[in-house]
mmCIF file of all heavy atoms, coordinates in Angstrom:
data_MODEL
# 
_entry.id   MODEL 
# 
loop_
_atom_site.group_PDB 
_atom_site.id 
_atom_site.type_symbol 
_atom_site.label_atom_id 
_atom_site.label_alt_id 
_atom_site.label_comp_id 
_atom_site.label_asym_id 
_atom_site.label_entity_id 
_atom_site.label_seq_id 
_atom_site.pdbx_PDB_ins_code 
_atom_site.Cartn_x 
_atom_site.Cartn_y 
_atom_site.Cartn_z 
_atom_site.occupancy 
_atom_site.B_iso_or_equiv 
_atom_site.pdbx_formal_charge 
_atom_site.auth_seq_id 
_atom_site.auth_comp_id 
_atom_site.auth_asym_id 
_atom_site.auth_atom_id 
_atom_site.pdbx_PDB_model_num 
ATOM 1   N N   . TYR A 1 1  ? -0.176 -10.188 11.081  1.00 0.00 ? 1  TYR A N   1 
ATOM 2   C CA  . TYR A 1 1  ? -1.482 -10.111 11.720  1.00 0.00 ? 1  TYR A CA  1 
ATOM 3   C C   . TYR A 1 1  ? -2.489 -9.518  10.720  1.00 0.00 ? 1  TYR A C   1 
ATOM 4   O O   . TYR A 1 1  ? -2.104 -8.804  9.788   1.00 0.00 ? 1  TYR A O   1 
ATOM 5   C CB  . TYR A 1 1  ? -1.452 -9.272  12.994  1.00 0.00 ? 1  TYR A CB  1 
ATOM 6   C CG  . TYR A 1 1  ? -0.722 -7.953  12.876  1.00 0.00 ? 1  TYR A CG  1 
ATOM 7   C CD1 . TYR A 1 1  ? -1.294 -6.862  12.250  1.00 0.00 ? 1  TYR A CD1 1 
ATOM 8   C CD2 . TYR A 1 1  ? 0.552  -7.810  13.421  1.00 0.00 ? 1  TYR A CD2 1 
ATOM 9   C CE1 . TYR A 1 1  ? -0.627 -5.651  12.147  1.00 0.00 ? 1  TYR A CE1 1 
ATOM 10  C CE2 . TYR A 1 1  ? 1.247  -6.601  13.312  1.00 0.00 ? 1  TYR A CE2 1 
ATOM 11  C CZ  . TYR A 1 1  ? 0.645  -5.535  12.682  1.00 0.00 ? 1  TYR A CZ  1 
ATOM 12  O OH  . TYR A 1 1  ? 1.320  -4.344  12.579  1.00 0.00 ? 1  TYR A OH  1 
ATOM 13  N N   . PRO A 1 2  ? -3.770 -9.825  10.871  1.00 0.00 ? 2  PRO A N   1 
ATOM 14  C CA  . PRO A 1 2  ? -4.767 -9.288  9.943   1.00 0.00 ? 2  PRO A CA  1 
ATOM 15  C C   . PRO A 1 2  ? -4.740 -7.762  9.902   1.00 0.00 ? 2  PRO A C   1 
ATOM 16  O O   . PRO A 1 2  ? -4.765 -7.106  10.936  1.00 0.00 ? 2  PRO A O   1 
ATOM 17  C CB  . PRO A 1 2  ? -6.096 -9.806  10.521  1.00 0.00 ? 2  PRO A CB  1 
ATOM 18  C CG  . PRO A 1 2  ? -5.721 -11.039 11.289  1.00 0.00 ? 2  PRO A CG  1 
ATOM 19  C CD  . PRO A 1 2  ? -4.375 -10.746 11.858  1.00 0.00 ? 2  PRO A CD  1 
ATOM 20  N N   . GLY A 1 3  ? -4.647 -7.231  8.705   1.00 0.00 ? 3  GLY A N   1 
ATOM 21  C CA  . GLY A 1 3  ? -4.617 -5.785  8.517   1.00 0.00 ? 3  GLY A CA  1 
ATOM 22  C C   . GLY A 1 3  ? -3.243 -5.227  8.222   1.00 0.00 ? 3  GLY A C   1 
ATOM 23  O O   . GLY A 1 3  ? -3.107 -4.053  7.854   1.00 0.00 ? 3  GLY A O   1 
ATOM 24  N N   . ALA A 1 4  ? -2.187 -6.042  8.357   1.00 0.00 ? 4  ALA A N   1 
ATOM 25  C CA  . ALA A 1 4  ? -0.818 -5.548  8.194   1.00 0.00 ? 4  ALA A CA  1 
ATOM 26  C C   . ALA A 1 4  ? -0.500 -5.169  6.747   1.00 0.00 ? 4  ALA A C   1 
ATOM 27  O O   . ALA A 1 4  ? 0.192  -4.185  6.496   1.00 0.00 ? 4  ALA A O   1 
ATOM 28  C CB  . ALA A 1 4  ? 0.188  -6.585  8.698   1.00 0.00 ? 4  ALA A CB  1 
ATOM 29  N N   . THR A 1 5  ? -0.989 -5.952  5.789   1.00 0.00 ? 5  THR A N   1 
ATOM 30  C CA  . THR A 1 5  ? -0.688 -5.670  4.382   1.00 0.00 ? 5  THR A CA  1 
ATOM 31  C C   . THR A 1 5  ? -1.176 -4.283  3.994   1.00 0.00 ? 5  THR A C   1 
ATOM 32  O O   . THR A 1 5  ? -0.418 -3.456  3.480   1.00 0.00 ? 5  THR A O   1 
ATOM 33  C CB  . THR A 1 5  ? -1.327 -6.731  3.462   1.00 0.00 ? 5  THR A CB  1 
ATOM 34  O OG1 . THR A 1 5  ? -0.767 -8.018  3.766   1.00 0.00 ? 5  THR A OG1 1 
ATOM 35  C CG2 . THR A 1 5  ? -1.077 -6.402  1.991   1.00 0.00 ? 5  THR A CG2 1 
ATOM 36  N N   . GLU A 1 6  ? -2.462 -4.020  4.253   1.00 0.00 ? 6  GLU A N   1 
ATOM 37  C CA  . GLU A 1 6  ? -3.046 -2.738  3.859   1.00 0.00 ? 6  GLU A CA  1 
ATOM 38  C C   . GLU A 1 6  ? -2.760 -1.615  4.860   1.00 0.00 ? 6  GLU A C   1 
ATOM 39  O O   . GLU A 1 6  ? -2.729 -0.448  4.497   1.00 0.00 ? 6  GLU A O   1 
ATOM 40  C CB  . GLU A 1 6  ? -4.558 -2.911  3.658   1.00 0.00 ? 6  GLU A CB  1 
ATOM 41  C CG  . GLU A 1 6  ? -4.877 -3.795  2.447   1.00 0.00 ? 6  GLU A CG  1 
ATOM 42  C CD  . GLU A 1 6  ? -6.279 -4.361  2.479   1.00 0.00 ? 6  GLU A CD  1 
ATOM 43  O OE1 . GLU A 1 6  ? -6.547 -5.182  3.392   1.00 0.00 ? 6  GLU A OE1 1 
ATOM 44  O OE2 . GLU A 1 6  ? -7.087 -4.032  1.605   1.00 0.00 ? 6  GLU A OE2 1 
ATOM 45  N N   . GLY A 1 7  ? -2.550 -1.992  6.132   1.00 0.00 ? 7  GLY A N   1 
ATOM 46  C CA  . GLY A 1 7  ? -2.346 -0.973  7.157   1.00 0.00 ? 7  GLY A CA  1 
ATOM 47  C C   . GLY A 1 7  ? -0.903 -0.581  7.398   1.00 0.00 ? 7  GLY A C   1 
ATOM 48  O O   . GLY A 1 7  ? -0.610 0.562   7.773   1.00 0.00 ? 7  GLY A O   1 
ATOM 49  N N   . ASP A 1 8  ? 0.037  -1.519  7.198   1.00 0.00 ? 8  ASP A N   1 
ATOM 50  C CA  . ASP A 1 8  ? 1.453  -1.255  7.467   1.00 0.00 ? 8  ASP A CA  1 
ATOM 51  C C   . ASP A 1 8  ? 2.309  -1.200  6.203   1.00 0.00 ? 8  ASP A C   1 
ATOM 52  O O   . ASP A 1 8  ? 3.215  -0.370  6.104   1.00 0.00 ? 8  ASP A O   1 
ATOM 53  C CB  . ASP A 1 8  ? 2.019  -2.326  8.410   1.00 0.00 ? 8  ASP A CB  1 
ATOM 54  C CG  . ASP A 1 8  ? 1.373  -2.307  9.784   1.00 0.00 ? 8  ASP A CG  1 
ATOM 55  O OD1 . ASP A 1 8  ? 1.843  -1.575  10.651  1.00 0.00 ? 8  ASP A OD1 1 
ATOM 56  O OD2 . ASP A 1 8  ? 0.389  -3.018  9.991   1.00 0.00 ? 8  ASP A OD2 1 
ATOM 57  N N   . CYS A 1 9  ? 2.042  -2.098  5.258   1.00 0.00 ? 9  CYS A N   1 
ATOM 58  C CA  . CYS A 1 9  ? 2.891  -2.200  4.069   1.00 0.00 ? 9  CYS A CA  1 
ATOM 59  C C   . CYS A 1 9  ? 2.491  -1.224  2.963   1.00 0.00 ? 9  CYS A C   1 
ATOM 60  O O   . CYS A 1 9  ? 3.348  -0.567  2.365   1.00 0.00 ? 9  CYS A O   1 
ATOM 61  C CB  . CYS A 1 9  ? 2.879  -3.631  3.525   1.00 0.00 ? 9  CYS A CB  1 
ATOM 62  S SG  . CYS A 1 9  ? 3.505  -4.844  4.694   1.00 0.00 ? 9  CYS A SG  1 
ATOM 63  N N   . VAL A 1 10 ? 1.201  -1.149  2.666   1.00 0.00 ? 10 VAL A N   1 
ATOM 64  C CA  . VAL A 1 10 ? 0.728  -0.279  1.586   1.00 0.00 ? 10 VAL A CA  1 
ATOM 65  C C   . VAL A 1 10 ? 1.126  1.192   1.785   1.00 0.00 ? 10 VAL A C   1 
ATOM 66  O O   . VAL A 1 10 ? 1.567  1.845   0.837   1.00 0.00 ? 10 VAL A O   1 
ATOM 67  C CB  . VAL A 1 10 ? -0.798 -0.429  1.383   1.00 0.00 ? 10 VAL A CB  1 
ATOM 68  C CG1 . VAL A 1 10 ? -1.359 0.742   0.563   1.00 0.00 ? 10 VAL A CG1 1 
ATOM 69  C CG2 . VAL A 1 10 ? -1.115 -1.753  0.693   1.00 0.00 ? 10 VAL A CG2 1 
ATOM 70  N N   . PRO A 1 11 ? 0.992  1.758   3.001   1.00 0.00 ? 11 PRO A N   1 
ATOM 71  C CA  . PRO A 1 11 ? 1.439  3.148   3.194   1.00 0.00 ? 11 PRO A CA  1 
ATOM 72  C C   . PRO A 1 11 ? 2.919  3.349   2.854   1.00 0.00 ? 11 PRO A C   1 
ATOM 73  O O   . PRO A 1 11 ? 3.307  4.416   2.365   1.00 0.00 ? 11 PRO A O   1 
ATOM 74  C CB  . PRO A 1 11 ? 1.180  3.399   4.682   1.00 0.00 ? 11 PRO A CB  1 
ATOM 75  C CG  . PRO A 1 11 ? 0.050  2.478   5.023   1.00 0.00 ? 11 PRO A CG  1 
ATOM 76  C CD  . PRO A 1 11 ? 0.292  1.250   4.208   1.00 0.00 ? 11 PRO A CD  1 
ATOM 77  N N   . ILE A 1 12 ? 3.755  2.345   3.113   1.00 0.00 ? 12 ILE A N   1 
ATOM 78  C CA  . ILE A 1 12 ? 5.179  2.419   2.752   1.00 0.00 ? 12 ILE A CA  1 
ATOM 79  C C   . ILE A 1 12 ? 5.332  2.452   1.230   1.00 0.00 ? 12 ILE A C   1 
ATOM 80  O O   . ILE A 1 12 ? 6.113  3.235   0.684   1.00 0.00 ? 12 ILE A O   1 
ATOM 81  C CB  . ILE A 1 12 ? 5.958  1.216   3.334   1.00 0.00 ? 12 ILE A CB  1 
ATOM 82  C CG1 . ILE A 1 12 ? 5.854  1.181   4.859   1.00 0.00 ? 12 ILE A CG1 1 
ATOM 83  C CG2 . ILE A 1 12 ? 7.427  1.247   2.893   1.00 0.00 ? 12 ILE A CG2 1 
ATOM 84  C CD1 . ILE A 1 12 ? 6.521  2.295   5.566   1.00 0.00 ? 12 ILE A CD1 1 
ATOM 85  N N   . LEU A 1 13 ? 4.574  1.607   0.554   1.00 0.00 ? 13 LEU A N   1 
ATOM 86  C CA  . LEU A 1 13 ? 4.604  1.585   -0.908  1.00 0.00 ? 13 LEU A CA  1 
ATOM 87  C C   . LEU A 1 13 ? 4.177  2.928   -1.481  1.00 0.00 ? 13 LEU A C   1 
ATOM 88  O O   . LEU A 1 13 ? 4.791  3.445   -2.423  1.00 0.00 ? 13 LEU A O   1 
ATOM 89  C CB  . LEU A 1 13 ? 3.694  0.472   -1.444  1.00 0.00 ? 13 LEU A CB  1 
ATOM 90  C CG  . LEU A 1 13 ? 4.082  -0.977  -1.098  1.00 0.00 ? 13 LEU A CG  1 
ATOM 91  C CD1 . LEU A 1 13 ? 2.990  -1.948  -1.561  1.00 0.00 ? 13 LEU A CD1 1 
ATOM 92  C CD2 . LEU A 1 13 ? 5.410  -1.349  -1.739  1.00 0.00 ? 13 LEU A CD2 1 
ATOM 93  N N   . GLU A 1 14 ? 3.121  3.502   -0.903  1.00 0.00 ? 14 GLU A N   1 
ATOM 94  C CA  . GLU A 1 14 ? 2.640  4.810   -1.366  1.00 0.00 ? 14 GLU A CA  1 
ATOM 95  C C   . GLU A 1 14 ? 3.681  5.903   -1.141  1.00 0.00 ? 14 GLU A C   1 
ATOM 96  O O   . GLU A 1 14 ? 3.942  6.733   -2.015  1.00 0.00 ? 14 GLU A O   1 
ATOM 97  C CB  . GLU A 1 14 ? 1.331  5.178   -0.653  1.00 0.00 ? 14 GLU A CB  1 
ATOM 98  C CG  . GLU A 1 14 ? 0.123  4.375   -1.115  1.00 0.00 ? 14 GLU A CG  1 
ATOM 99  C CD  . GLU A 1 14 ? -1.163 4.856   -0.471  1.00 0.00 ? 14 GLU A CD  1 
ATOM 100 O OE1 . GLU A 1 14 ? -1.148 5.149   0.762   1.00 0.00 ? 14 GLU A OE1 1 
ATOM 101 O OE2 . GLU A 1 14 ? -2.192 4.941   -1.155  1.00 0.00 ? 14 GLU A OE2 1 
ATOM 102 N N   . LYS A 1 15 ? 4.287  5.880   0.042   1.00 0.00 ? 15 LYS A N   1 
ATOM 103 C CA  . LYS A 1 15 ? 5.266  6.904   0.409   1.00 0.00 ? 15 LYS A CA  1 
ATOM 104 C C   . LYS A 1 15 ? 6.464  6.910   -0.533  1.00 0.00 ? 15 LYS A C   1 
ATOM 105 O O   . LYS A 1 15 ? 6.905  7.972   -1.000  1.00 0.00 ? 15 LYS A O   1 
ATOM 106 C CB  . LYS A 1 15 ? 5.730  6.672   1.844   1.00 0.00 ? 15 LYS A CB  1 
ATOM 107 C CG  . LYS A 1 15 ? 6.813  7.638   2.314   1.00 0.00 ? 15 LYS A CG  1 
ATOM 108 C CD  . LYS A 1 15 ? 7.278  7.291   3.729   1.00 0.00 ? 15 LYS A CD  1 
ATOM 109 C CE  . LYS A 1 15 ? 8.450  8.180   4.157   1.00 0.00 ? 15 LYS A CE  1 
ATOM 110 N NZ  . LYS A 1 15 ? 8.923  7.806   5.532   1.00 0.00 ? 15 LYS A NZ  1 
ATOM 111 N N   . PHE A 1 16 ? 7.015  5.726   -0.827  1.00 0.00 ? 16 PHE A N   1 
ATOM 112 C CA  . PHE A 1 16 ? 8.246  5.656   -1.608  1.00 0.00 ? 16 PHE A CA  1 
ATOM 113 C C   . PHE A 1 16 ? 8.011  5.672   -3.121  1.00 0.00 ? 16 PHE A C   1 
ATOM 114 O O   . PHE A 1 16 ? 8.931  5.928   -3.884  1.00 0.00 ? 16 PHE A O   1 
ATOM 115 C CB  . PHE A 1 16 ? 9.056  4.422   -1.216  1.00 0.00 ? 16 PHE A CB  1 
ATOM 116 C CG  . PHE A 1 16 ? 9.801  4.591   0.086   1.00 0.00 ? 16 PHE A CG  1 
ATOM 117 C CD1 . PHE A 1 16 ? 9.179  4.338   1.297   1.00 0.00 ? 16 PHE A CD1 1 
ATOM 118 C CD2 . PHE A 1 16 ? 11.111 5.037   0.099   1.00 0.00 ? 16 PHE A CD2 1 
ATOM 119 C CE1 . PHE A 1 16 ? 9.852  4.520   2.501   1.00 0.00 ? 16 PHE A CE1 1 
ATOM 120 C CE2 . PHE A 1 16 ? 11.794 5.215   1.294   1.00 0.00 ? 16 PHE A CE2 1 
ATOM 121 C CZ  . PHE A 1 16 ? 11.154 4.956   2.498   1.00 0.00 ? 16 PHE A CZ  1 
ATOM 122 N N   . SER A 1 17 ? 6.792  5.410   -3.544  1.00 0.00 ? 17 SER A N   1 
ATOM 123 C CA  . SER A 1 17 ? 6.493  5.427   -4.977  1.00 0.00 ? 17 SER A CA  1 
ATOM 124 C C   . SER A 1 17 ? 5.820  6.713   -5.424  1.00 0.00 ? 17 SER A C   1 
ATOM 125 O O   . SER A 1 17 ? 5.910  7.091   -6.600  1.00 0.00 ? 17 SER A O   1 
ATOM 126 C CB  . SER A 1 17 ? 5.596  4.243   -5.345  1.00 0.00 ? 17 SER A CB  1 
ATOM 127 O OG  . SER A 1 17 ? 4.291  4.398   -4.783  1.00 0.00 ? 17 SER A OG  1 
ATOM 128 N N   . GLY A 1 18 ? 5.136  7.370   -4.482  1.00 0.00 ? 18 GLY A N   1 
ATOM 129 C CA  . GLY A 1 18 ? 4.349  8.545   -4.844  1.00 0.00 ? 18 GLY A CA  1 
ATOM 130 C C   . GLY A 1 18 ? 3.058  8.185   -5.564  1.00 0.00 ? 18 GLY A C   1 
ATOM 131 O O   . GLY A 1 18 ? 2.375  9.057   -6.099  1.00 0.00 ? 18 GLY A O   1 
ATOM 132 N N   . LEU A 1 19 ? 2.701  6.898   -5.568  1.00 0.00 ? 19 LEU A N   1 
ATOM 133 C CA  . LEU A 1 19 ? 1.513  6.418   -6.260  1.00 0.00 ? 19 LEU A CA  1 
ATOM 134 C C   . LEU A 1 19 ? 0.366  6.177   -5.280  1.00 0.00 ? 19 LEU A C   1 
ATOM 135 O O   . LEU A 1 19 ? 0.571  6.058   -4.071  1.00 0.00 ? 19 LEU A O   1 
ATOM 136 C CB  . LEU A 1 19 ? 1.825  5.118   -7.008  1.00 0.00 ? 19 LEU A CB  1 
ATOM 137 C CG  . LEU A 1 19 ? 2.935  5.183   -8.058  1.00 0.00 ? 19 LEU A CG  1 
ATOM 138 C CD1 . LEU A 1 19 ? 3.227  3.794   -8.615  1.00 0.00 ? 19 LEU A CD1 1 
ATOM 139 C CD2 . LEU A 1 19 ? 2.548  6.135   -9.191  1.00 0.00 ? 19 LEU A CD2 1 
ATOM 140 N N   . LYS A 1 20 ? -0.855 6.074   -5.813  1.00 0.00 ? 20 LYS A N   1 
ATOM 141 C CA  . LYS A 1 20 ? -2.053 5.897   -5.011  1.00 0.00 ? 20 LYS A CA  1 
ATOM 142 C C   . LYS A 1 20 ? -2.503 4.440   -5.062  1.00 0.00 ? 20 LYS A C   1 
ATOM 143 O O   . LYS A 1 20 ? -2.644 3.842   -6.122  1.00 0.00 ? 20 LYS A O   1 
ATOM 144 C CB  . LYS A 1 20 ? -3.175 6.810   -5.544  1.00 0.00 ? 20 LYS A CB  1 
ATOM 145 C CG  . LYS A 1 20 ? -4.441 6.822   -4.712  1.00 0.00 ? 20 LYS A CG  1 
ATOM 146 C CD  . LYS A 1 20 ? -4.304 7.672   -3.482  1.00 0.00 ? 20 LYS A CD  1 
ATOM 147 C CE  . LYS A 1 20 ? -5.677 7.792   -2.789  1.00 0.00 ? 20 LYS A CE  1 
ATOM 148 N NZ  . LYS A 1 20 ? -5.568 8.418   -1.473  1.00 0.00 ? 20 LYS A NZ  1 
ATOM 149 N N   . PHE A 1 21 ? -2.738 3.878   -3.865  1.00 0.00 ? 21 PHE A N   1 
ATOM 150 C CA  . PHE A 1 21 ? -3.182 2.496   -3.731  1.00 0.00 ? 21 PHE A CA  1 
ATOM 151 C C   . PHE A 1 21 ? -4.564 2.300   -4.347  1.00 0.00 ? 21 PHE A C   1 
ATOM 152 O O   . PHE A 1 21 ? -5.466 3.122   -4.178  1.00 0.00 ? 21 PHE A O   1 
ATOM 153 C CB  . PHE A 1 21 ? -3.196 2.108   -2.257  1.00 0.00 ? 21 PHE A CB  1 
ATOM 154 C CG  . PHE A 1 21 ? -3.694 0.719   -1.964  1.00 0.00 ? 21 PHE A CG  1 
ATOM 155 C CD1 . PHE A 1 21 ? -3.154 -0.381  -2.624  1.00 0.00 ? 21 PHE A CD1 1 
ATOM 156 C CD2 . PHE A 1 21 ? -4.677 0.493   -1.010  1.00 0.00 ? 21 PHE A CD2 1 
ATOM 157 C CE1 . PHE A 1 21 ? -3.603 -1.669  -2.357  1.00 0.00 ? 21 PHE A CE1 1 
ATOM 158 C CE2 . PHE A 1 21 ? -5.113 -0.792  -0.730  1.00 0.00 ? 21 PHE A CE2 1 
ATOM 159 C CZ  . PHE A 1 21 ? -4.584 -1.878  -1.397  1.00 0.00 ? 21 PHE A CZ  1 
ATOM 160 N N   . ASN A 1 22 ? -4.724 1.189   -5.042  1.00 0.00 ? 22 ASN A N   1 
ATOM 161 C CA  . ASN A 1 22 ? -5.962 0.788   -5.732  1.00 0.00 ? 22 ASN A CA  1 
ATOM 162 C C   . ASN A 1 22 ? -6.392 1.757   -6.818  1.00 0.00 ? 22 ASN A C   1 
ATOM 163 O O   . ASN A 1 22 ? -7.503 1.679   -7.333  1.00 0.00 ? 22 ASN A O   1 
ATOM 164 C CB  . ASN A 1 22 ? -7.106 0.556   -4.743  1.00 0.00 ? 22 ASN A CB  1 
ATOM 165 C CG  . ASN A 1 22 ? -7.072 -0.845  -4.147  1.00 0.00 ? 22 ASN A CG  1 
ATOM 166 O OD1 . ASN A 1 22 ? -6.383 -1.727  -4.638  1.00 0.00 ? 22 ASN A OD1 1 
ATOM 167 N ND2 . ASN A 1 22 ? -7.827 -1.057  -3.076  1.00 0.00 ? 22 ASN A ND2 1 
ATOM 168 N N   . GLN A 1 23 ? -5.514 2.661   -7.157  1.00 0.00 ? 23 GLN A N   1 
ATOM 169 C CA  . GLN A 1 23 ? -5.726 3.559   -8.285  1.00 0.00 ? 23 GLN A CA  1 
ATOM 170 C C   . GLN A 1 23 ? -4.554 3.413   -9.261  1.00 0.00 ? 23 GLN A C   1 
ATOM 171 O O   . GLN A 1 23 ? -4.759 3.187   -10.458 1.00 0.00 ? 23 GLN A O   1 
ATOM 172 C CB  . GLN A 1 23 ? -5.857 5.004   -7.806  1.00 0.00 ? 23 GLN A CB  1 
ATOM 173 C CG  . GLN A 1 23 ? -6.119 6.026   -8.905  1.00 0.00 ? 23 GLN A CG  1 
ATOM 174 C CD  . GLN A 1 23 ? -6.296 7.425   -8.330  1.00 0.00 ? 23 GLN A CD  1 
ATOM 175 O OE1 . GLN A 1 23 ? -7.108 7.648   -7.422  1.00 0.00 ? 23 GLN A OE1 1 
ATOM 176 N NE2 . GLN A 1 23 ? -5.551 8.391   -8.833  1.00 0.00 ? 23 GLN A NE2 1 
ATOM 177 N N   . ASP A 1 24 ? -3.339 3.566   -8.729  1.00 0.00 ? 24 ASP A N   1 
ATOM 178 C CA  . ASP A 1 24 ? -2.135 3.430   -9.548  1.00 0.00 ? 24 ASP A CA  1 
ATOM 179 C C   . ASP A 1 24 ? -1.499 2.043   -9.422  1.00 0.00 ? 24 ASP A C   1 
ATOM 180 O O   . ASP A 1 24 ? -0.954 1.513   -10.384 1.00 0.00 ? 24 ASP A O   1 
ATOM 181 C CB  . ASP A 1 24 ? -1.102 4.486   -9.150  1.00 0.00 ? 24 ASP A CB  1 
ATOM 182 C CG  . ASP A 1 24 ? -1.640 5.895   -9.297  1.00 0.00 ? 24 ASP A CG  1 
ATOM 183 O OD1 . ASP A 1 24 ? -2.280 6.187   -10.323 1.00 0.00 ? 24 ASP A OD1 1 
ATOM 184 O OD2 . ASP A 1 24 ? -1.441 6.718   -8.367  1.00 0.00 ? 24 ASP A OD2 1 
ATOM 185 N N   . PHE A 1 25 ? -1.503 1.497   -8.227  1.00 0.00 ? 25 PHE A N   1 
ATOM 186 C CA  . PHE A 1 25 ? -0.962 0.152   -8.009  1.00 0.00 ? 25 PHE A CA  1 
ATOM 187 C C   . PHE A 1 25 ? -1.912 -0.634  -7.116  1.00 0.00 ? 25 PHE A C   1 
ATOM 188 O O   . PHE A 1 25 ? -2.818 -0.079  -6.487  1.00 0.00 ? 25 PHE A O   1 
ATOM 189 C CB  . PHE A 1 25 ? 0.439  0.208   -7.378  1.00 0.00 ? 25 PHE A CB  1 
ATOM 190 C CG  . PHE A 1 25 ? 0.451  0.591   -5.921  1.00 0.00 ? 25 PHE A CG  1 
ATOM 191 C CD1 . PHE A 1 25 ? 0.436  -0.367  -4.928  1.00 0.00 ? 25 PHE A CD1 1 
ATOM 192 C CD2 . PHE A 1 25 ? 0.476  1.926   -5.550  1.00 0.00 ? 25 PHE A CD2 1 
ATOM 193 C CE1 . PHE A 1 25 ? 0.442  -0.017  -3.577  1.00 0.00 ? 25 PHE A CE1 1 
ATOM 194 C CE2 . PHE A 1 25 ? 0.485  2.299   -4.210  1.00 0.00 ? 25 PHE A CE2 1 
ATOM 195 C CZ  . PHE A 1 25 ? 0.467  1.325   -3.218  1.00 0.00 ? 25 PHE A CZ  1 
ATOM 196 N N   . PHE A 1 26 ? -1.674 -1.972  -7.029  1.00 0.00 ? 26 PHE A N   1 
ATOM 197 C CA  . PHE A 1 26 ? -2.599 -2.849  -6.326  1.00 0.00 ? 26 PHE A CA  1 
ATOM 198 C C   . PHE A 1 26 ? -1.825 -3.851  -5.460  1.00 0.00 ? 26 PHE A C   1 
ATOM 199 O O   . PHE A 1 26 ? -0.616 -3.994  -5.588  1.00 0.00 ? 26 PHE A O   1 
ATOM 200 C CB  . PHE A 1 26 ? -3.497 -3.578  -7.334  1.00 0.00 ? 26 PHE A CB  1 
ATOM 201 C CG  . PHE A 1 26 ? -4.213 -2.647  -8.260  1.00 0.00 ? 26 PHE A CG  1 
ATOM 202 C CD1 . PHE A 1 26 ? -3.615 -2.241  -9.467  1.00 0.00 ? 26 PHE A CD1 1 
ATOM 203 C CD2 . PHE A 1 26 ? -5.455 -2.141  -7.951  1.00 0.00 ? 26 PHE A CD2 1 
ATOM 204 C CE1 . PHE A 1 26 ? -4.251 -1.358  -10.328 1.00 0.00 ? 26 PHE A CE1 1 
ATOM 205 C CE2 . PHE A 1 26 ? -6.108 -1.257  -8.808  1.00 0.00 ? 26 PHE A CE2 1 
ATOM 206 C CZ  . PHE A 1 26 ? -5.498 -0.867  -9.996  1.00 0.00 ? 26 PHE A CZ  1 
ATOM 207 N N   . ALA A 1 27 ? -2.548 -4.510  -4.575  1.00 0.00 ? 27 ALA A N   1 
ATOM 208 C CA  . ALA A 1 27 ? -1.895 -5.443  -3.659  1.00 0.00 ? 27 ALA A CA  1 
ATOM 209 C C   . ALA A 1 27 ? -2.649 -6.763  -3.592  1.00 0.00 ? 27 ALA A C   1 
ATOM 210 O O   . ALA A 1 27 ? -3.852 -6.842  -3.877  1.00 0.00 ? 27 ALA A O   1 
ATOM 211 C CB  . ALA A 1 27 ? -1.777 -4.842  -2.256  1.00 0.00 ? 27 ALA A CB  1 
ATOM 212 N N   . GLY A 1 28 ? -1.924 -7.788  -3.225  1.00 0.00 ? 28 GLY A N   1 
ATOM 213 C CA  . GLY A 1 28 ? -2.522 -9.093  -2.985  1.00 0.00 ? 28 GLY A CA  1 
ATOM 214 C C   . GLY A 1 28 ? -1.854 -9.736  -1.786  1.00 0.00 ? 28 GLY A C   1 
ATOM 215 O O   . GLY A 1 28 ? -0.808 -9.284  -1.318  1.00 0.00 ? 28 GLY A O   1 
# 
């Protein structure tokens, strides 16, 4: 659904990597 990538997936990436979205890593 619209918003899932940035709202549901990105926080998981941040949590397990310790990195900051759109600063350390990026999404498409």
